[in-house]
Amino acid sequence: MDSLNALERLFARLSQDNPCWRYQPDSDWPSPCEGDGRWHPVKRDTPADFTGLEAALGLTLHPSIKAYFGHYFMEYLKVSHARGEVELLGAWNEQDFERLQQNLIGHVLMKRRLNQPVTLFIACTDDDNFMLSVDNQSGEVVLEPVGQPAQDVLAPSLAAFLDSLTESPS
């Protein structure tokens, strides 16, 4: 649950007037996060269930991934890291959570097909050729080129990574 606590600390330290909270309402894609021109993270009443995804893949997800994706509905969150701008991924609503799980399954199947260690993506970078992922074995946050093995370890854990993030200037 360290990653859940770190996510909540990140929400708390971002100023409410930061542009990262703005969103464009879409009547066809409602969310419990919608508000007054700004979105707000909404804690789920019951954490999301990943047993179907785990059964489909025949693996147990790293606990930090389940804590990160399973406890809040949220919009993508643009923040800064020492290596550049990142956009943390999240699920906007229940349908988006289902889509996220399908994308995670596709990502893991690709990693297996390429005989690479299993990672699970958590963020986009300002370079479309790279993503940030959690190594499912170690829990480390890694920078990985799309379709290739991880290049660099950015943090020893998802909690440490989230704690290192700051407000994005834009």
N, C-alpha and C. Protein backbone atom coordinates (compact mmCIF):
# COMPACT_ATOMS: atom_id res chain seq x y z
N MET A 1 0.81 -1.21 0.00
CA MET A 1 0.00 0.00 0.00
C MET A 1 0.85 1.26 0.00
N ASP A 2 2.18 1.09 0.02
CA ASP A 2 3.03 2.27 -0.02
C ASP A 2 2.77 3.12 -1.24
N SER A 3 2.51 2.47 -2.40
CA SER A 3 2.26 3.25 -3.61
C SER A 3 0.94 4.00 -3.52
N LEU A 4 -0.05 3.44 -2.84
CA LEU A 4 -1.31 4.15 -2.65
C LEU A 4 -1.10 5.39 -1.79
N ASN A 5 -0.37 5.24 -0.70
CA ASN A 5 -0.07 6.39 0.16
C ASN A 5 0.72 7.45 -0.59
N ALA A 6 1.67 7.02 -1.42
CA ALA A 6 2.47 7.97 -2.20
C ALA A 6 1.60 8.69 -3.23
N LEU A 7 0.65 7.98 -3.84
CA LEU A 7 -0.26 8.62 -4.79
C LEU A 7 -1.10 9.67 -4.07
N GLU A 8 -1.60 9.35 -2.91
CA GLU A 8 -2.39 10.32 -2.14
C GLU A 8 -1.55 11.52 -1.72
N ARG A 9 -0.29 11.30 -1.37
CA ARG A 9 0.60 12.43 -1.05
C ARG A 9 0.82 13.31 -2.28
N LEU A 10 0.95 12.69 -3.44
CA LEU A 10 1.12 13.46 -4.68
C LEU A 10 -0.11 14.32 -4.94
N PHE A 11 -1.30 13.74 -4.83
CA PHE A 11 -2.53 14.53 -5.01
C PHE A 11 -2.53 15.73 -4.06
N ALA A 12 -2.14 15.50 -2.82
CA ALA A 12 -2.20 16.55 -1.80
C ALA A 12 -1.20 17.67 -2.05
N ARG A 13 -0.05 17.35 -2.62
CA ARG A 13 0.96 18.41 -2.77
C ARG A 13 0.84 19.20 -4.07
N LEU A 14 -0.02 18.79 -4.99
CA LEU A 14 -0.23 19.56 -6.22
C LEU A 14 -1.24 20.66 -5.94
N SER A 15 -0.87 21.89 -6.24
CA SER A 15 -1.78 23.01 -5.96
C SER A 15 -3.04 22.88 -6.81
N GLN A 16 -4.16 23.27 -6.24
CA GLN A 16 -5.44 23.11 -6.91
C GLN A 16 -5.61 24.01 -8.13
N ASP A 17 -4.79 25.07 -8.25
CA ASP A 17 -4.89 25.92 -9.44
C ASP A 17 -3.91 25.50 -10.53
N ASN A 18 -3.20 24.39 -10.34
CA ASN A 18 -2.28 23.89 -11.35
C ASN A 18 -3.06 23.42 -12.57
N PRO A 19 -2.57 23.70 -13.78
CA PRO A 19 -3.27 23.27 -15.00
C PRO A 19 -3.46 21.76 -15.11
N CYS A 20 -2.72 20.98 -14.34
CA CYS A 20 -2.85 19.52 -14.45
C CYS A 20 -4.26 19.04 -14.09
N TRP A 21 -5.02 19.84 -13.37
CA TRP A 21 -6.36 19.43 -12.94
C TRP A 21 -7.44 19.78 -13.96
N ARG A 22 -7.12 20.54 -14.99
CA ARG A 22 -8.14 20.93 -15.97
C ARG A 22 -8.48 19.76 -16.89
N TYR A 23 -9.70 19.76 -17.39
CA TYR A 23 -10.12 18.72 -18.31
C TYR A 23 -11.21 19.28 -19.21
N GLN A 24 -11.48 18.59 -20.30
CA GLN A 24 -12.55 18.95 -21.21
C GLN A 24 -13.73 18.00 -20.98
N PRO A 25 -14.85 18.51 -20.48
CA PRO A 25 -16.00 17.63 -20.25
C PRO A 25 -16.45 16.96 -21.55
N ASP A 26 -16.91 15.74 -21.43
CA ASP A 26 -17.41 14.97 -22.56
C ASP A 26 -18.64 14.21 -22.09
N SER A 27 -19.80 14.61 -22.59
CA SER A 27 -21.05 14.00 -22.13
C SER A 27 -21.13 12.51 -22.48
N ASP A 28 -20.35 12.06 -23.46
CA ASP A 28 -20.33 10.65 -23.83
C ASP A 28 -19.34 9.83 -23.00
N TRP A 29 -18.57 10.50 -22.15
CA TRP A 29 -17.54 9.81 -21.37
C TRP A 29 -17.55 10.37 -19.94
N PRO A 30 -18.67 10.18 -19.21
CA PRO A 30 -18.78 10.75 -17.87
C PRO A 30 -17.85 10.06 -16.87
N SER A 31 -17.55 10.78 -15.82
CA SER A 31 -16.66 10.26 -14.79
C SER A 31 -17.07 10.80 -13.43
N PRO A 32 -16.86 10.03 -12.39
CA PRO A 32 -17.09 10.56 -11.05
C PRO A 32 -16.07 11.65 -10.69
N CYS A 33 -15.04 11.81 -11.51
CA CYS A 33 -13.98 12.80 -11.24
C CYS A 33 -14.36 14.21 -11.68
N GLU A 34 -15.43 14.33 -12.46
CA GLU A 34 -15.78 15.63 -13.03
C GLU A 34 -16.21 16.62 -11.96
N GLY A 35 -15.83 17.87 -12.20
CA GLY A 35 -16.16 18.91 -11.24
C GLY A 35 -16.38 20.24 -11.92
N ASP A 36 -15.86 21.26 -11.35
CA ASP A 36 -16.06 22.64 -11.74
C ASP A 36 -15.05 23.12 -12.79
N GLY A 37 -14.87 22.36 -13.86
CA GLY A 37 -13.85 22.70 -14.84
C GLY A 37 -12.51 22.09 -14.49
N ARG A 38 -12.45 21.48 -13.33
CA ARG A 38 -11.27 20.74 -12.90
C ARG A 38 -11.73 19.33 -12.52
N TRP A 39 -10.85 18.40 -12.71
CA TRP A 39 -11.18 17.05 -12.26
C TRP A 39 -10.57 16.84 -10.89
N HIS A 40 -11.09 15.88 -10.19
CA HIS A 40 -10.63 15.55 -8.84
C HIS A 40 -10.51 14.03 -8.74
N PRO A 41 -9.43 13.51 -8.18
CA PRO A 41 -9.35 12.06 -8.00
C PRO A 41 -10.47 11.60 -7.07
N VAL A 42 -11.07 10.48 -7.42
CA VAL A 42 -12.17 9.94 -6.62
C VAL A 42 -11.79 8.53 -6.17
N LYS A 43 -11.75 8.35 -4.87
CA LYS A 43 -11.41 7.03 -4.32
C LYS A 43 -12.58 6.08 -4.53
N ARG A 44 -12.28 4.90 -5.00
CA ARG A 44 -13.31 3.87 -5.20
C ARG A 44 -13.84 3.40 -3.85
N ASP A 45 -15.11 3.07 -3.80
CA ASP A 45 -15.68 2.51 -2.57
C ASP A 45 -15.03 1.17 -2.24
N THR A 46 -14.81 0.39 -3.28
CA THR A 46 -14.16 -0.92 -3.15
C THR A 46 -13.01 -0.96 -4.15
N PRO A 47 -11.82 -1.36 -3.73
CA PRO A 47 -10.71 -1.42 -4.69
C PRO A 47 -11.05 -2.32 -5.88
N ALA A 48 -10.51 -1.98 -7.03
CA ALA A 48 -10.75 -2.74 -8.25
C ALA A 48 -10.22 -4.17 -8.10
N ASP A 49 -10.87 -5.06 -8.81
CA ASP A 49 -10.52 -6.48 -8.76
C ASP A 49 -9.69 -6.84 -10.00
N PHE A 50 -8.51 -7.35 -9.78
CA PHE A 50 -7.61 -7.71 -10.88
C PHE A 50 -7.54 -9.22 -11.10
N THR A 51 -8.41 -10.00 -10.45
CA THR A 51 -8.29 -11.46 -10.56
C THR A 51 -8.49 -11.95 -11.99
N GLY A 52 -9.40 -11.33 -12.74
CA GLY A 52 -9.62 -11.73 -14.14
C GLY A 52 -8.38 -11.49 -14.99
N LEU A 53 -7.77 -10.34 -14.82
CA LEU A 53 -6.55 -10.01 -15.55
C LEU A 53 -5.43 -10.97 -15.16
N GLU A 54 -5.27 -11.21 -13.87
CA GLU A 54 -4.22 -12.12 -13.41
C GLU A 54 -4.45 -13.54 -13.93
N ALA A 55 -5.71 -13.97 -13.94
CA ALA A 55 -6.01 -15.31 -14.46
C ALA A 55 -5.73 -15.39 -15.96
N ALA A 56 -6.10 -14.34 -16.69
CA ALA A 56 -5.87 -14.33 -18.14
C ALA A 56 -4.39 -14.41 -18.46
N LEU A 57 -3.57 -13.78 -17.64
CA LEU A 57 -2.13 -13.75 -17.89
C LEU A 57 -1.37 -14.86 -17.17
N GLY A 58 -2.01 -15.51 -16.21
CA GLY A 58 -1.33 -16.54 -15.44
C GLY A 58 -0.20 -15.99 -14.60
N LEU A 59 -0.40 -14.79 -14.06
CA LEU A 59 0.61 -14.19 -13.19
C LEU A 59 -0.06 -13.33 -12.15
N THR A 60 0.67 -13.05 -11.10
CA THR A 60 0.20 -12.15 -10.05
C THR A 60 0.81 -10.79 -10.29
N LEU A 61 -0.03 -9.77 -10.36
CA LEU A 61 0.46 -8.41 -10.55
C LEU A 61 1.20 -7.94 -9.31
N HIS A 62 2.23 -7.14 -9.53
CA HIS A 62 2.95 -6.55 -8.40
C HIS A 62 1.95 -5.75 -7.56
N PRO A 63 2.00 -5.87 -6.25
CA PRO A 63 1.03 -5.16 -5.39
C PRO A 63 0.98 -3.65 -5.63
N SER A 64 2.10 -3.05 -6.00
CA SER A 64 2.09 -1.60 -6.23
C SER A 64 1.22 -1.23 -7.43
N ILE A 65 1.15 -2.08 -8.43
CA ILE A 65 0.31 -1.83 -9.60
C ILE A 65 -1.16 -1.90 -9.20
N LYS A 66 -1.51 -2.91 -8.43
CA LYS A 66 -2.90 -3.04 -7.99
C LYS A 66 -3.31 -1.86 -7.12
N ALA A 67 -2.43 -1.42 -6.25
CA ALA A 67 -2.74 -0.27 -5.39
C ALA A 67 -2.87 1.00 -6.23
N TYR A 68 -1.96 1.21 -7.17
CA TYR A 68 -1.95 2.42 -7.98
C TYR A 68 -3.20 2.52 -8.87
N PHE A 69 -3.47 1.49 -9.65
CA PHE A 69 -4.60 1.54 -10.58
C PHE A 69 -5.93 1.18 -9.94
N GLY A 70 -5.91 0.53 -8.79
CA GLY A 70 -7.14 -0.04 -8.25
C GLY A 70 -7.91 0.78 -7.24
N HIS A 71 -7.37 1.90 -6.77
CA HIS A 71 -8.05 2.61 -5.69
C HIS A 71 -8.68 3.95 -6.07
N TYR A 72 -8.30 4.51 -7.21
CA TYR A 72 -8.83 5.82 -7.61
C TYR A 72 -9.26 5.83 -9.06
N PHE A 73 -10.30 6.61 -9.33
CA PHE A 73 -10.58 7.05 -10.69
C PHE A 73 -9.84 8.37 -10.83
N MET A 74 -9.19 8.56 -11.96
CA MET A 74 -8.44 9.79 -12.17
C MET A 74 -8.20 10.02 -13.65
N GLU A 75 -8.01 11.26 -14.00
CA GLU A 75 -7.60 11.63 -15.35
C GLU A 75 -6.09 11.45 -15.43
N TYR A 76 -5.55 11.49 -16.63
CA TYR A 76 -4.10 11.49 -16.76
C TYR A 76 -3.58 12.72 -16.04
N LEU A 77 -2.46 12.57 -15.36
CA LEU A 77 -1.94 13.63 -14.51
C LEU A 77 -0.54 14.01 -14.97
N LYS A 78 -0.42 15.24 -15.49
CA LYS A 78 0.88 15.72 -15.99
C LYS A 78 1.69 16.28 -14.83
N VAL A 79 2.87 15.70 -14.63
CA VAL A 79 3.76 16.09 -13.54
C VAL A 79 5.20 16.10 -14.06
N SER A 80 6.11 16.55 -13.21
CA SER A 80 7.52 16.61 -13.58
C SER A 80 8.34 15.60 -12.79
N HIS A 81 9.32 15.05 -13.47
CA HIS A 81 10.31 14.16 -12.87
C HIS A 81 11.67 14.74 -13.21
N ALA A 82 12.69 14.36 -12.49
CA ALA A 82 14.04 14.86 -12.75
C ALA A 82 14.47 14.63 -14.20
N ARG A 83 13.91 13.60 -14.85
CA ARG A 83 14.27 13.27 -16.23
C ARG A 83 13.37 13.93 -17.26
N GLY A 84 12.32 14.64 -16.82
CA GLY A 84 11.43 15.30 -17.77
C GLY A 84 9.97 15.20 -17.37
N GLU A 85 9.13 15.70 -18.26
CA GLU A 85 7.69 15.67 -18.02
C GLU A 85 7.15 14.26 -18.22
N VAL A 86 6.21 13.88 -17.37
CA VAL A 86 5.54 12.59 -17.50
C VAL A 86 4.04 12.80 -17.31
N GLU A 87 3.28 11.88 -17.87
CA GLU A 87 1.84 11.90 -17.71
C GLU A 87 1.44 10.57 -17.08
N LEU A 88 1.07 10.63 -15.81
CA LEU A 88 0.64 9.42 -15.11
C LEU A 88 -0.69 8.95 -15.67
N LEU A 89 -0.80 7.67 -15.88
CA LEU A 89 -2.02 7.10 -16.43
C LEU A 89 -2.96 6.72 -15.30
N GLY A 90 -4.24 6.70 -15.61
CA GLY A 90 -5.25 6.29 -14.65
C GLY A 90 -6.51 5.92 -15.40
N ALA A 91 -7.52 5.53 -14.66
CA ALA A 91 -8.82 5.18 -15.25
C ALA A 91 -9.82 6.26 -14.91
N TRP A 92 -10.44 6.84 -15.91
CA TRP A 92 -11.39 7.94 -15.78
C TRP A 92 -12.74 7.47 -15.27
N ASN A 93 -13.10 6.24 -15.61
CA ASN A 93 -14.38 5.66 -15.19
C ASN A 93 -14.24 4.14 -15.28
N GLU A 94 -15.30 3.44 -14.99
CA GLU A 94 -15.23 1.97 -14.98
C GLU A 94 -14.93 1.41 -16.38
N GLN A 95 -15.51 2.00 -17.42
CA GLN A 95 -15.23 1.55 -18.79
C GLN A 95 -13.76 1.77 -19.14
N ASP A 96 -13.21 2.88 -18.69
CA ASP A 96 -11.80 3.16 -18.94
C ASP A 96 -10.92 2.16 -18.18
N PHE A 97 -11.36 1.75 -17.00
CA PHE A 97 -10.61 0.75 -16.25
C PHE A 97 -10.59 -0.58 -17.01
N GLU A 98 -11.71 -0.95 -17.62
CA GLU A 98 -11.75 -2.18 -18.42
C GLU A 98 -10.79 -2.08 -19.60
N ARG A 99 -10.78 -0.93 -20.25
CA ARG A 99 -9.87 -0.70 -21.38
C ARG A 99 -8.40 -0.74 -20.90
N LEU A 100 -8.13 -0.15 -19.76
CA LEU A 100 -6.79 -0.18 -19.19
C LEU A 100 -6.33 -1.62 -18.98
N GLN A 101 -7.20 -2.45 -18.43
CA GLN A 101 -6.84 -3.86 -18.20
C GLN A 101 -6.54 -4.57 -19.52
N GLN A 102 -7.34 -4.29 -20.56
CA GLN A 102 -7.09 -4.90 -21.87
C GLN A 102 -5.74 -4.46 -22.42
N ASN A 103 -5.41 -3.18 -22.24
CA ASN A 103 -4.12 -2.68 -22.71
C ASN A 103 -2.96 -3.29 -21.92
N LEU A 104 -3.15 -3.47 -20.62
CA LEU A 104 -2.11 -4.13 -19.81
C LEU A 104 -1.90 -5.57 -20.28
N ILE A 105 -2.99 -6.28 -20.57
CA ILE A 105 -2.87 -7.65 -21.09
C ILE A 105 -2.08 -7.64 -22.39
N GLY A 106 -2.43 -6.74 -23.31
CA GLY A 106 -1.71 -6.65 -24.58
C GLY A 106 -0.24 -6.36 -24.38
N HIS A 107 0.07 -5.48 -23.45
CA HIS A 107 1.46 -5.12 -23.17
C HIS A 107 2.24 -6.33 -22.63
N VAL A 108 1.65 -7.04 -21.69
CA VAL A 108 2.33 -8.22 -21.13
C VAL A 108 2.52 -9.29 -22.20
N LEU A 109 1.51 -9.52 -23.04
CA LEU A 109 1.66 -10.52 -24.10
C LEU A 109 2.77 -10.14 -25.07
N MET A 110 2.88 -8.84 -25.38
CA MET A 110 3.96 -8.37 -26.25
C MET A 110 5.32 -8.64 -25.60
N LYS A 111 5.44 -8.31 -24.30
CA LYS A 111 6.71 -8.53 -23.59
C LYS A 111 7.08 -10.02 -23.62
N ARG A 112 6.10 -10.87 -23.42
CA ARG A 112 6.37 -12.32 -23.45
C ARG A 112 6.81 -12.76 -24.84
N ARG A 113 6.11 -12.27 -25.87
CA ARG A 113 6.44 -12.64 -27.24
C ARG A 113 7.88 -12.23 -27.58
N LEU A 114 8.32 -11.10 -27.03
CA LEU A 114 9.67 -10.60 -27.27
C LEU A 114 10.70 -11.18 -26.29
N ASN A 115 10.25 -12.10 -25.43
CA ASN A 115 11.13 -12.71 -24.41
C ASN A 115 11.78 -11.66 -23.52
N GLN A 116 10.98 -10.69 -23.09
CA GLN A 116 11.46 -9.63 -22.22
C GLN A 116 10.80 -9.75 -20.85
N PRO A 117 11.43 -9.22 -19.82
CA PRO A 117 10.80 -9.23 -18.49
C PRO A 117 9.45 -8.52 -18.53
N VAL A 118 8.52 -9.02 -17.74
CA VAL A 118 7.18 -8.43 -17.69
C VAL A 118 7.22 -7.09 -16.97
N THR A 119 6.70 -6.08 -17.66
CA THR A 119 6.54 -4.75 -17.08
C THR A 119 5.09 -4.33 -17.28
N LEU A 120 4.66 -3.37 -16.48
CA LEU A 120 3.31 -2.83 -16.59
C LEU A 120 3.42 -1.32 -16.62
N PHE A 121 2.91 -0.71 -17.69
CA PHE A 121 3.09 0.73 -17.88
C PHE A 121 2.27 1.53 -16.87
N ILE A 122 2.83 2.68 -16.48
CA ILE A 122 2.15 3.58 -15.55
C ILE A 122 2.12 5.02 -16.04
N ALA A 123 2.97 5.35 -17.04
CA ALA A 123 3.05 6.74 -17.47
C ALA A 123 3.63 6.85 -18.87
N CYS A 124 3.26 7.95 -19.53
CA CYS A 124 3.85 8.33 -20.81
C CYS A 124 4.91 9.39 -20.53
N THR A 125 5.87 9.49 -21.43
CA THR A 125 6.89 10.52 -21.30
C THR A 125 6.67 11.57 -22.38
N ASP A 126 7.49 12.63 -22.35
CA ASP A 126 7.37 13.64 -23.39
C ASP A 126 7.97 13.17 -24.71
N ASP A 127 8.54 11.98 -24.74
CA ASP A 127 9.04 11.35 -25.96
C ASP A 127 8.20 10.10 -26.19
N ASP A 128 7.43 10.08 -27.29
CA ASP A 128 6.52 8.97 -27.58
C ASP A 128 7.21 7.63 -27.74
N ASN A 129 8.52 7.62 -27.85
CA ASN A 129 9.25 6.37 -28.03
C ASN A 129 9.56 5.67 -26.71
N PHE A 130 9.19 6.31 -25.59
CA PHE A 130 9.49 5.75 -24.27
C PHE A 130 8.25 5.77 -23.39
N MET A 131 8.22 4.84 -22.44
CA MET A 131 7.17 4.83 -21.43
C MET A 131 7.80 4.49 -20.09
N LEU A 132 7.08 4.78 -19.03
CA LEU A 132 7.51 4.40 -17.69
C LEU A 132 6.67 3.22 -17.25
N SER A 133 7.33 2.24 -16.70
CA SER A 133 6.65 1.00 -16.31
C SER A 133 7.17 0.53 -14.96
N VAL A 134 6.42 -0.39 -14.38
CA VAL A 134 6.85 -1.07 -13.16
C VAL A 134 7.26 -2.48 -13.57
N ASP A 135 8.47 -2.85 -13.18
CA ASP A 135 8.93 -4.22 -13.40
C ASP A 135 8.11 -5.11 -12.47
N ASN A 136 7.38 -6.06 -13.04
CA ASN A 136 6.47 -6.86 -12.23
C ASN A 136 7.19 -7.74 -11.23
N GLN A 137 8.43 -8.08 -11.48
CA GLN A 137 9.19 -8.93 -10.56
C GLN A 137 9.76 -8.12 -9.39
N SER A 138 10.45 -7.03 -9.71
CA SER A 138 11.17 -6.27 -8.68
C SER A 138 10.38 -5.12 -8.09
N GLY A 139 9.40 -4.60 -8.84
CA GLY A 139 8.67 -3.42 -8.40
C GLY A 139 9.35 -2.11 -8.74
N GLU A 140 10.52 -2.18 -9.40
CA GLU A 140 11.23 -0.96 -9.78
C GLU A 140 10.47 -0.21 -10.88
N VAL A 141 10.59 1.11 -10.87
CA VAL A 141 10.04 1.93 -11.96
C VAL A 141 11.16 2.09 -12.98
N VAL A 142 10.84 1.72 -14.22
CA VAL A 142 11.85 1.71 -15.27
C VAL A 142 11.41 2.56 -16.46
N LEU A 143 12.41 3.06 -17.17
CA LEU A 143 12.20 3.75 -18.44
C LEU A 143 12.43 2.72 -19.52
N GLU A 144 11.42 2.53 -20.38
CA GLU A 144 11.61 1.54 -21.43
C GLU A 144 11.21 2.08 -22.79
N PRO A 145 12.08 1.84 -23.78
CA PRO A 145 11.70 2.17 -25.14
C PRO A 145 10.56 1.23 -25.56
N VAL A 146 9.64 1.73 -26.35
CA VAL A 146 8.51 0.92 -26.81
C VAL A 146 9.05 -0.32 -27.53
N GLY A 147 8.59 -1.50 -27.09
CA GLY A 147 8.97 -2.76 -27.72
C GLY A 147 10.34 -3.28 -27.36
N GLN A 148 11.03 -2.62 -26.43
CA GLN A 148 12.37 -3.04 -26.06
C GLN A 148 12.46 -3.21 -24.54
N PRO A 149 13.50 -3.89 -24.08
CA PRO A 149 13.67 -4.03 -22.62
C PRO A 149 13.93 -2.67 -21.97
N ALA A 150 13.67 -2.61 -20.68
CA ALA A 150 13.91 -1.38 -19.92
C ALA A 150 15.35 -0.94 -20.06
N GLN A 151 15.55 0.38 -20.13
CA GLN A 151 16.89 0.95 -20.26
C GLN A 151 17.47 1.37 -18.93
N ASP A 152 16.65 2.03 -18.13
CA ASP A 152 17.13 2.62 -16.88
C ASP A 152 16.13 2.37 -15.76
N VAL A 153 16.65 2.21 -14.56
CA VAL A 153 15.81 2.17 -13.36
C VAL A 153 15.72 3.60 -12.84
N LEU A 154 14.49 4.12 -12.74
CA LEU A 154 14.29 5.49 -12.26
C LEU A 154 14.03 5.55 -10.77
N ALA A 155 13.51 4.48 -10.20
CA ALA A 155 13.22 4.46 -8.77
C ALA A 155 13.14 3.01 -8.31
N PRO A 156 13.49 2.74 -7.06
CA PRO A 156 13.45 1.37 -6.55
C PRO A 156 12.03 0.84 -6.33
N SER A 157 11.06 1.76 -6.32
CA SER A 157 9.67 1.35 -6.10
C SER A 157 8.74 2.40 -6.70
N LEU A 158 7.49 2.03 -6.88
CA LEU A 158 6.51 2.99 -7.38
C LEU A 158 6.29 4.09 -6.35
N ALA A 159 6.28 3.74 -5.08
CA ALA A 159 6.11 4.76 -4.04
C ALA A 159 7.24 5.79 -4.09
N ALA A 160 8.47 5.33 -4.21
CA ALA A 160 9.61 6.26 -4.29
C ALA A 160 9.51 7.13 -5.53
N PHE A 161 9.07 6.54 -6.64
CA PHE A 161 8.91 7.32 -7.87
C PHE A 161 7.84 8.40 -7.69
N LEU A 162 6.68 8.03 -7.16
CA LEU A 162 5.60 9.01 -6.97
C LEU A 162 6.04 10.11 -6.02
N ASP A 163 6.79 9.76 -4.99
CA ASP A 163 7.27 10.76 -4.04
C ASP A 163 8.29 11.72 -4.67
N SER A 164 8.91 11.32 -5.77
CA SER A 164 9.90 12.18 -6.43
C SER A 164 9.28 13.17 -7.41
N LEU A 165 8.00 13.04 -7.68
CA LEU A 165 7.35 13.89 -8.69
C LEU A 165 6.98 15.25 -8.12
N THR A 166 7.00 16.24 -9.01
CA THR A 166 6.63 17.61 -8.64
C THR A 166 5.63 18.15 -9.65
N GLU A 167 5.12 19.34 -9.36
CA GLU A 167 4.18 19.97 -10.28
C GLU A 167 4.84 20.24 -11.62
N SER A 168 4.08 20.04 -12.67
CA SER A 168 4.55 20.40 -14.00
C SER A 168 4.38 21.90 -14.18
N PRO A 169 5.36 22.57 -14.79
CA PRO A 169 5.23 24.01 -14.97
C PRO A 169 4.17 24.39 -16.00
N SER A 170 3.75 23.46 -16.84
CA SER A 170 2.77 23.81 -17.87
C SER A 170 1.40 23.26 -17.56
